[in-house]
Amino acid sequence: MAEDRDLTPEVRELLTVIREGLDLPYGATPDDHDKRLEIRQDNATRIASTLAYVLDSSHADIAVAIRVLREGIAEAAGAYVAREE
């Protein structure tokens, strides 16, 4: 594990959720691959919105932002079959 580099636990958790939302396993079939790309794009939109809220608000509640982002990403988590590696 990398050094904390002065990141707060909240920031580390937010970055972890962002990584989980973008680092999706490849699809098992061409249709699953297309669904994976769609989910990844949706997740990228959620992530951009979350980052805008956190960075543009002087009173951003990072814990709430993390929860909402995690819930949004989890909604589509089982929408395709991942390729077994």
C-alpha atoms as a PDB file:
ATOM      1  CA  MET A   1       0.000   0.000   0.000  1.00  0.00           C
ATOM      2  CA  ALA A   2       1.303   3.440  -0.891  1.00  0.00           C
ATOM      3  CA  GLU A   3       2.087   6.009   1.737  1.00  0.00           C
ATOM      4  CA  ASP A   4      -0.857   8.115   2.871  1.00  0.00           C
ATOM      5  CA  ARG A   5       0.755  11.276   1.486  1.00  0.00           C
ATOM      6  CA  ASP A   6      -1.263  13.403   3.916  1.00  0.00           C
ATOM      7  CA  LEU A   7      -4.613  12.274   2.503  1.00  0.00           C
ATOM      8  CA  THR A   8      -7.432  12.236   4.994  1.00  0.00           C
ATOM      9  CA  PRO A   9      -9.367   8.994   5.442  1.00  0.00           C
ATOM     10  CA  GLU A  10     -12.365  10.612   3.715  1.00  0.00           C
ATOM     11  CA  VAL A  11     -10.308  11.607   0.676  1.00  0.00           C
ATOM     12  CA  ARG A  12      -8.771   8.126   0.483  1.00  0.00           C
ATOM     13  CA  GLU A  13     -12.252   6.599   0.633  1.00  0.00           C
ATOM     14  CA  LEU A  14     -13.525   8.942  -2.093  1.00  0.00           C
ATOM     15  CA  LEU A  15     -10.577   8.051  -4.329  1.00  0.00           C
ATOM     16  CA  THR A  16     -11.173   4.347  -3.688  1.00  0.00           C
ATOM     17  CA  VAL A  17     -14.829   4.646  -4.721  1.00  0.00           C
ATOM     18  CA  ILE A  18     -13.774   6.547  -7.858  1.00  0.00           C
ATOM     19  CA  ARG A  19     -11.311   3.798  -8.765  1.00  0.00           C
ATOM     20  CA  GLU A  20     -13.942   1.119  -8.178  1.00  0.00           C
ATOM     21  CA  GLY A  21     -16.370   2.981 -10.437  1.00  0.00           C
ATOM     22  CA  LEU A  22     -13.912   3.176 -13.311  1.00  0.00           C
ATOM     23  CA  ASP A  23     -11.892  -0.024 -12.964  1.00  0.00           C
ATOM     24  CA  LEU A  24     -14.564  -2.469 -14.082  1.00  0.00           C
ATOM     25  CA  PRO A  25     -13.736  -6.008 -15.188  1.00  0.00           C
ATOM     26  CA  TYR A  26     -14.066  -6.734 -18.903  1.00  0.00           C
ATOM     27  CA  GLY A  27     -17.323  -8.227 -20.140  1.00  0.00           C
ATOM     28  CA  ALA A  28     -17.635 -11.937 -20.892  1.00  0.00           C
ATOM     29  CA  THR A  29     -19.351 -11.393 -24.257  1.00  0.00           C
ATOM     30  CA  PRO A  30     -19.517  -8.547 -26.797  1.00  0.00           C
ATOM     31  CA  ASP A  31     -22.903  -7.534 -25.350  1.00  0.00           C
ATOM     32  CA  ASP A  32     -21.458  -7.565 -21.835  1.00  0.00           C
ATOM     33  CA  HIS A  33     -18.524  -5.498 -23.080  1.00  0.00           C
ATOM     34  CA  ASP A  34     -20.933  -2.900 -24.497  1.00  0.00           C
ATOM     35  CA  LYS A  35     -22.889  -2.852 -21.228  1.00  0.00           C
ATOM     36  CA  ARG A  36     -19.625  -2.443 -19.295  1.00  0.00           C
ATOM     37  CA  LEU A  37     -18.731   0.599 -21.410  1.00  0.00           C
ATOM     38  CA  GLU A  38     -22.179   2.087 -20.812  1.00  0.00           C
ATOM     39  CA  ILE A  39     -21.895   1.545 -17.056  1.00  0.00           C
ATOM     40  CA  ARG A  40     -18.397   2.994 -17.026  1.00  0.00           C
ATOM     41  CA  GLN A  41     -19.618   6.106 -18.851  1.00  0.00           C
ATOM     42  CA  ASP A  42     -22.505   6.480 -16.397  1.00  0.00           C
ATOM     43  CA  ASN A  43     -20.063   6.075 -13.508  1.00  0.00           C
ATOM     44  CA  ALA A  44     -17.731   8.690 -15.024  1.00  0.00           C
ATOM     45  CA  THR A  45     -20.650  11.120 -15.167  1.00  0.00           C
ATOM     46  CA  ARG A  46     -21.507  10.384 -11.513  1.00  0.00           C
ATOM     47  CA  ILE A  47     -17.860  10.833 -10.542  1.00  0.00           C
ATOM     48  CA  ALA A  48     -17.571  14.161 -12.384  1.00  0.00           C
ATOM     49  CA  SER A  49     -20.709  15.403 -10.649  1.00  0.00           C
ATOM     50  CA  THR A  50     -19.406  14.295  -7.250  1.00  0.00           C
ATOM     51  CA  LEU A  51     -16.039  15.945  -7.822  1.00  0.00           C
ATOM     52  CA  ALA A  52     -17.731  19.170  -8.913  1.00  0.00           C
ATOM     53  CA  TYR A  53     -19.785  19.168  -5.715  1.00  0.00           C
ATOM     54  CA  VAL A  54     -16.784  18.452  -3.488  1.00  0.00           C
ATOM     55  CA  LEU A  55     -14.440  20.905  -5.198  1.00  0.00           C
ATOM     56  CA  ASP A  56     -16.900  23.747  -5.845  1.00  0.00           C
ATOM     57  CA  SER A  57     -18.693  23.818  -2.507  1.00  0.00           C
ATOM     58  CA  SER A  58     -17.128  25.461   0.517  1.00  0.00           C
ATOM     59  CA  HIS A  59     -19.350  23.324   2.754  1.00  0.00           C
ATOM     60  CA  ALA A  60     -19.254  19.999   0.909  1.00  0.00           C
ATOM     61  CA  ASP A  61     -20.125  17.002   3.036  1.00  0.00           C
ATOM     62  CA  ILE A  62     -17.618  14.470   1.712  1.00  0.00           C
ATOM     63  CA  ALA A  63     -19.151  11.588   3.669  1.00  0.00           C
ATOM     64  CA  VAL A  64     -22.519  12.195   2.007  1.00  0.00           C
ATOM     65  CA  ALA A  65     -20.858  12.584  -1.397  1.00  0.00           C
ATOM     66  CA  ILE A  66     -19.099   9.237  -0.908  1.00  0.00           C
ATOM     67  CA  ARG A  67     -22.331   7.500   0.132  1.00  0.00           C
ATOM     68  CA  VAL A  68     -24.312   8.879  -2.810  1.00  0.00           C
ATOM     69  CA  LEU A  69     -21.547   8.021  -5.287  1.00  0.00           C
ATOM     70  CA  ARG A  70     -21.137   4.511  -3.880  1.00  0.00           C
ATOM     71  CA  GLU A  71     -24.903   3.915  -4.081  1.00  0.00           C
ATOM     72  CA  GLY A  72     -25.035   5.148  -7.682  1.00  0.00           C
ATOM     73  CA  ILE A  73     -22.151   2.925  -8.723  1.00  0.00           C
ATOM     74  CA  ALA A  74     -23.622  -0.080  -6.900  1.00  0.00           C
ATOM     75  CA  GLU A  75     -26.952   0.231  -8.738  1.00  0.00           C
ATOM     76  CA  ALA A  76     -25.414  -1.054 -11.979  1.00  0.00           C
ATOM     77  CA  ALA A  77     -22.810  -3.382 -10.495  1.00  0.00           C
ATOM     78  CA  GLY A  78     -24.506  -6.624 -11.570  1.00  0.00           C
ATOM     79  CA  ALA A  79     -25.851  -5.439 -14.924  1.00  0.00           C
ATOM     80  CA  TYR A  80     -23.353  -7.452 -16.981  1.00  0.00           C
ATOM     81  CA  VAL A  81     -21.363 -10.665 -16.754  1.00  0.00           C
ATOM     82  CA  ALA A  82     -17.656 -10.110 -16.190  1.00  0.00           C
ATOM     83  CA  ARG A  83     -15.064 -12.175 -17.989  1.00  0.00           C
ATOM     84  CA  GLU A  84     -13.382 -14.685 -15.720  1.00  0.00           C
ATOM     85  CA  GLU A  85      -9.649 -14.260 -15.521  1.00  0.00           C
END
